[in-house]
Amino acid sequence: MIKAIAIDDEPVALSIIEMHAQRVPFITLEAIFTSARAALDQLAKESVDLIFLDINMPNMGGLEFAALVDPAIQIVFTTAHSQHAVKGYDIDIADFLLKPITYPRFLQACERVQKNIGKNDIKQPASNNESLFVKDGYNWVRVFIADLLYVKTEDNYINMVEAKRQTLVRMTMQEFLNKAPVCSFIRVHKSYAVNVAYVERLQSSTIVIGDAVIPISKSFAADVTKYLIKPPQ
């Protein structure tokens, strides 16, 4: 399931996107925003795969907003002005929708995003010597990716948990997932990502790794079950 948000200063435009998104089976529209600033605050708490983004907005336009978000997030620009299309594609976006947005064209954009995400998901598992140098207090320490059992967010930090060590690092969950060159980590909750190699038991709403019982949130439950039962080839 592709998690999306929509940002537009016109409520009518957001209503149309909501209506279209309800008809696309692989898209879940998590939230809508009339303010780009409010959307940025939300993205700091919850990650998404896709943003439907109006270009021409007061205070912060879509082009400026797109430059601030994680490059891994797919962007579909929406606008009533066709002359913005060229500027939009300079930022490497997934698609460009001209208002008023029709459902067939909306679906086409969503299918393009789905293909892009599928390509990005093809990664090689971590080798035993892949590592990150991270700052723990006043020291820089080396953390081997394959040794991590799971990571957990704690305020503005993440706790990297190994069998015999925990390292508290000033980093967001999304920054960790972007830096870790692995497909063996899966996010199971807004505060947790686990190394699937160490999962001992999958229950209805938790994952067990050693003595740790890690919650699975509803928004990630379907992806977790699909990944663990049918790992990507």
Protein backbone atom coordinates (compact mmCIF):
# COMPACT_ATOMS: atom_id res chain seq x y z
CA MET A 1 0.00 0.00 0.00
CA ILE A 2 1.32 3.44 -0.97
CA LYS A 3 0.90 6.00 1.81
CA ALA A 4 0.14 9.48 0.49
CA ILE A 5 -0.72 13.00 1.57
CA ALA A 6 -2.09 15.92 -0.44
CA ILE A 7 -1.21 19.60 -0.07
CA ASP A 8 -3.22 22.37 -1.71
CA ASP A 9 -4.46 25.74 -0.46
CA GLU A 10 -7.78 25.15 -2.26
CA PRO A 11 -10.17 22.85 -0.32
CA VAL A 12 -12.09 22.00 -3.50
CA ALA A 13 -8.92 20.69 -5.14
CA LEU A 14 -8.21 18.55 -2.08
CA SER A 15 -11.73 17.14 -2.19
CA ILE A 16 -11.20 16.01 -5.79
CA ILE A 17 -7.92 14.29 -4.88
CA GLU A 18 -9.62 12.59 -1.92
CA MET A 19 -12.44 11.36 -4.16
CA HIS A 20 -10.03 9.99 -6.77
CA ALA A 21 -7.73 8.39 -4.17
CA GLN A 22 -10.63 6.42 -2.70
CA ARG A 23 -11.01 4.68 -6.06
CA VAL A 24 -7.34 3.60 -6.32
CA PRO A 25 -6.91 0.29 -4.43
CA PHE A 26 -3.17 0.64 -3.78
CA ILE A 27 -3.24 4.25 -2.50
CA THR A 28 -4.14 5.31 1.04
CA LEU A 29 -4.50 9.06 1.52
CA GLU A 30 -3.29 9.54 5.09
CA ALA A 31 -3.95 13.29 5.41
CA ILE A 32 -4.68 16.49 3.52
CA PHE A 33 -3.23 19.93 4.20
CA THR A 34 -4.02 23.48 3.11
CA SER A 35 -0.70 24.62 4.61
CA ALA A 36 2.72 23.47 3.47
CA ARG A 37 4.18 24.31 6.89
CA ALA A 38 1.68 22.01 8.62
CA ALA A 39 2.55 19.24 6.17
CA LEU A 40 6.26 19.59 6.98
CA ASP A 41 5.50 19.21 10.69
CA GLN A 42 3.56 16.03 9.94
CA LEU A 43 6.34 14.59 7.78
CA ALA A 44 8.73 14.99 10.69
CA LYS A 45 6.53 12.54 12.62
CA GLU A 46 5.24 10.15 9.95
CA SER A 47 6.85 9.03 6.71
CA VAL A 48 4.91 8.76 3.45
CA ASP A 49 5.64 7.39 -0.01
CA LEU A 50 3.83 9.98 -2.12
CA ILE A 51 2.84 13.65 -2.00
CA PHE A 52 0.25 15.28 -4.26
CA LEU A 53 1.59 18.82 -4.21
CA ASP A 54 0.13 22.05 -5.52
CA ILE A 55 2.78 24.32 -7.05
CA ASN A 56 1.20 27.74 -6.56
CA MET A 57 0.54 28.25 -2.81
CA PRO A 58 1.01 31.25 -0.49
CA ASN A 59 3.92 31.45 1.99
CA MET A 60 5.61 28.30 0.66
CA GLY A 61 5.12 27.10 -2.92
CA GLY A 62 5.30 23.52 -4.09
CA LEU A 63 8.73 23.90 -5.71
CA GLU A 64 10.20 25.20 -2.46
CA PHE A 65 8.45 22.47 -0.45
CA ALA A 66 9.66 19.68 -2.74
CA ALA A 67 13.26 20.78 -2.21
CA LEU A 68 12.88 20.26 1.56
CA VAL A 69 11.48 16.72 1.67
CA ASP A 70 13.21 13.36 1.50
CA PRO A 71 14.24 12.68 -2.14
CA ALA A 72 12.90 9.14 -1.78
CA ILE A 73 9.33 10.47 -1.53
CA GLN A 74 7.50 10.47 -4.86
CA ILE A 75 6.10 13.88 -5.86
CA VAL A 76 3.10 14.43 -8.13
CA PHE A 77 2.66 18.14 -8.81
CA THR A 78 -0.83 19.55 -9.30
CA THR A 79 -1.55 22.99 -10.76
CA ALA A 80 -3.97 24.98 -12.85
CA HIS A 81 -1.10 26.53 -14.81
CA SER A 82 0.46 24.42 -17.56
CA GLN A 83 3.55 26.64 -17.77
CA HIS A 84 4.68 25.20 -14.42
CA ALA A 85 5.19 21.75 -15.92
CA VAL A 86 8.69 22.45 -17.19
CA LYS A 87 9.81 23.79 -13.80
CA GLY A 88 8.30 20.78 -12.08
CA TYR A 89 10.23 18.23 -14.09
CA ASP A 90 13.50 20.01 -13.30
CA ILE A 91 13.08 18.61 -9.77
CA ASP A 92 12.71 14.98 -10.90
CA ILE A 93 9.08 14.38 -10.00
CA ALA A 94 6.94 11.34 -10.71
CA ASP A 95 4.21 13.14 -12.65
CA PHE A 96 2.40 16.41 -13.27
CA LEU A 97 -1.39 16.78 -13.10
CA LEU A 98 -3.18 19.72 -14.65
CA LYS A 99 -6.36 20.91 -12.92
CA PRO A 100 -9.18 20.05 -13.11
CA ILE A 101 -7.83 16.57 -12.48
CA THR A 102 -9.74 13.71 -14.11
CA TYR A 103 -9.80 10.24 -12.58
CA PRO A 104 -8.18 8.45 -15.57
CA ARG A 105 -5.26 10.89 -15.48
CA PHE A 106 -5.03 10.60 -11.67
CA LEU A 107 -4.93 6.81 -11.90
CA GLN A 108 -2.20 7.00 -14.54
CA ALA A 109 -0.06 9.11 -12.21
CA CYS A 110 -0.63 6.67 -9.34
CA GLU A 111 0.39 3.71 -11.50
CA ARG A 112 3.57 5.54 -12.49
CA VAL A 113 4.37 6.11 -8.81
CA GLN A 114 3.72 2.44 -8.08
CA LYS A 115 6.24 1.42 -10.76
CA ASN A 116 8.82 3.88 -9.45
CA ILE A 117 8.50 2.58 -5.90
CA GLY A 118 8.79 -0.99 -7.14
CA LYS A 119 12.09 -0.16 -8.85
CA ASN A 120 13.43 1.58 -5.74
CA ASP A 121 12.55 -1.41 -3.54
CA ILE A 122 14.98 -3.72 -5.36
CA LYS A 123 18.04 -3.63 -3.09
CA GLN A 124 20.75 -6.05 -2.10
CA PRO A 125 20.83 -7.39 1.46
CA ALA A 126 23.53 -6.09 3.75
CA SER A 127 26.81 -7.95 3.88
CA ASN A 128 28.27 -8.69 7.30
CA ASN A 129 30.81 -5.86 7.02
CA GLU A 130 28.44 -3.03 6.08
CA SER A 131 28.52 -0.41 8.80
CA LEU A 132 27.80 3.16 9.82
CA PHE A 133 29.96 5.54 11.85
CA VAL A 134 27.63 7.38 14.21
CA LYS A 135 28.17 9.89 16.99
CA ASP A 136 27.37 8.53 20.45
CA GLY A 137 27.81 11.37 22.94
CA TYR A 138 31.30 12.78 22.31
CA ASN A 139 32.55 9.70 20.48
CA TRP A 140 32.18 8.29 16.99
CA VAL A 141 31.42 4.56 17.06
CA ARG A 142 31.12 1.97 14.34
CA VAL A 143 27.83 0.08 14.15
CA PHE A 144 27.58 -3.01 11.95
CA ILE A 145 24.20 -3.12 10.25
CA ALA A 146 23.95 -6.91 10.40
CA ASP A 147 24.36 -6.80 14.21
CA LEU A 148 21.39 -4.51 14.81
CA LEU A 149 18.31 -6.25 16.20
CA TYR A 150 16.07 -3.21 15.83
CA VAL A 151 16.07 0.56 16.09
CA LYS A 152 13.70 2.70 18.13
CA THR A 153 13.00 6.43 18.10
CA GLU A 154 13.44 8.28 21.39
CA ASP A 155 12.53 11.98 21.14
CA ASN A 156 14.99 13.45 18.61
CA TYR A 157 17.22 10.35 18.69
CA ILE A 158 17.13 6.73 17.61
CA ASN A 159 18.37 3.90 19.78
CA MET A 160 20.31 1.31 17.77
CA VAL A 161 19.88 -1.94 19.67
CA GLU A 162 22.34 -4.83 19.38
CA ALA A 163 22.47 -7.99 21.47
CA LYS A 164 25.06 -6.54 23.89
CA ARG A 165 25.05 -2.81 23.14
CA GLN A 166 22.73 0.13 22.59
CA THR A 167 23.82 3.29 20.79
CA LEU A 168 21.79 6.49 21.09
CA VAL A 169 22.23 8.62 17.97
CA ARG A 170 20.79 12.01 17.02
CA MET A 171 19.07 10.90 13.83
CA THR A 172 15.52 10.42 12.56
CA MET A 173 14.14 7.01 11.69
CA GLN A 174 13.88 7.96 8.03
CA GLU A 175 17.52 9.12 7.98
CA PHE A 176 18.58 5.75 9.36
CA LEU A 177 16.54 3.82 6.82
CA ASN A 178 18.00 5.95 4.02
CA LYS A 179 21.58 5.45 5.20
CA ALA A 180 21.39 1.76 6.00
CA PRO A 181 22.20 -0.01 2.69
CA VAL A 182 19.88 -2.90 3.39
CA CYS A 183 16.52 -4.39 2.50
CA SER A 184 16.55 -6.47 5.69
CA PHE A 185 15.06 -3.68 7.81
CA ILE A 186 11.32 -3.14 7.79
CA ARG A 187 9.40 -0.42 9.57
CA VAL A 188 6.70 -1.89 11.81
CA HIS A 189 5.66 1.21 13.76
CA LYS A 190 6.35 4.94 13.59
CA SER A 191 8.87 4.37 16.42
CA TYR A 192 10.35 1.00 15.39
CA ALA A 193 12.17 -0.67 12.51
CA VAL A 194 13.33 -4.28 12.89
CA ASN A 195 15.99 -6.46 11.32
CA VAL A 196 13.93 -9.31 9.84
CA ALA A 197 16.84 -11.73 10.26
CA TYR A 198 16.26 -11.66 14.04
CA VAL A 199 12.45 -11.90 14.10
CA GLU A 200 11.54 -14.97 16.18
CA ARG A 201 7.77 -14.68 16.24
CA LEU A 202 5.08 -12.64 14.51
CA GLN A 203 1.90 -12.17 16.50
CA SER A 204 -1.30 -10.27 15.74
CA SER A 205 0.03 -6.90 16.87
CA THR A 206 3.62 -7.53 17.98
CA ILE A 207 6.96 -8.90 16.81
CA VAL A 208 9.24 -10.81 19.19
CA ILE A 209 13.03 -10.43 18.97
CA GLY A 210 14.79 -12.02 21.91
CA ASP A 211 13.37 -10.44 25.07
CA ALA A 212 11.92 -7.50 23.16
CA VAL A 213 8.23 -7.38 22.27
CA ILE A 214 7.82 -4.74 19.58
CA PRO A 215 4.43 -3.27 18.64
CA ILE A 216 3.09 -3.33 15.09
CA SER A 217 0.92 -0.34 14.22
CA LYS A 218 -2.19 -0.73 12.07
CA SER A 219 -0.73 1.44 9.30
CA PHE A 220 2.21 -0.96 8.83
CA ALA A 221 0.51 -4.29 9.67
CA ALA A 222 -0.35 -5.36 6.11
CA ASP A 223 3.14 -4.58 4.80
CA VAL A 224 4.79 -6.39 7.73
CA THR A 225 2.78 -9.56 7.23
CA LYS A 226 3.34 -9.55 3.47
CA TYR A 227 7.08 -8.95 3.81
CA LEU A 228 7.72 -11.59 6.47
CA ILE A 229 5.55 -14.31 4.95
CA LYS A 230 6.55 -13.61 1.35
CA PRO A 231 9.97 -11.93 1.33
CA PRO A 232 10.84 -9.97 -1.83
CA GLN A 233 12.68 -11.99 -4.45
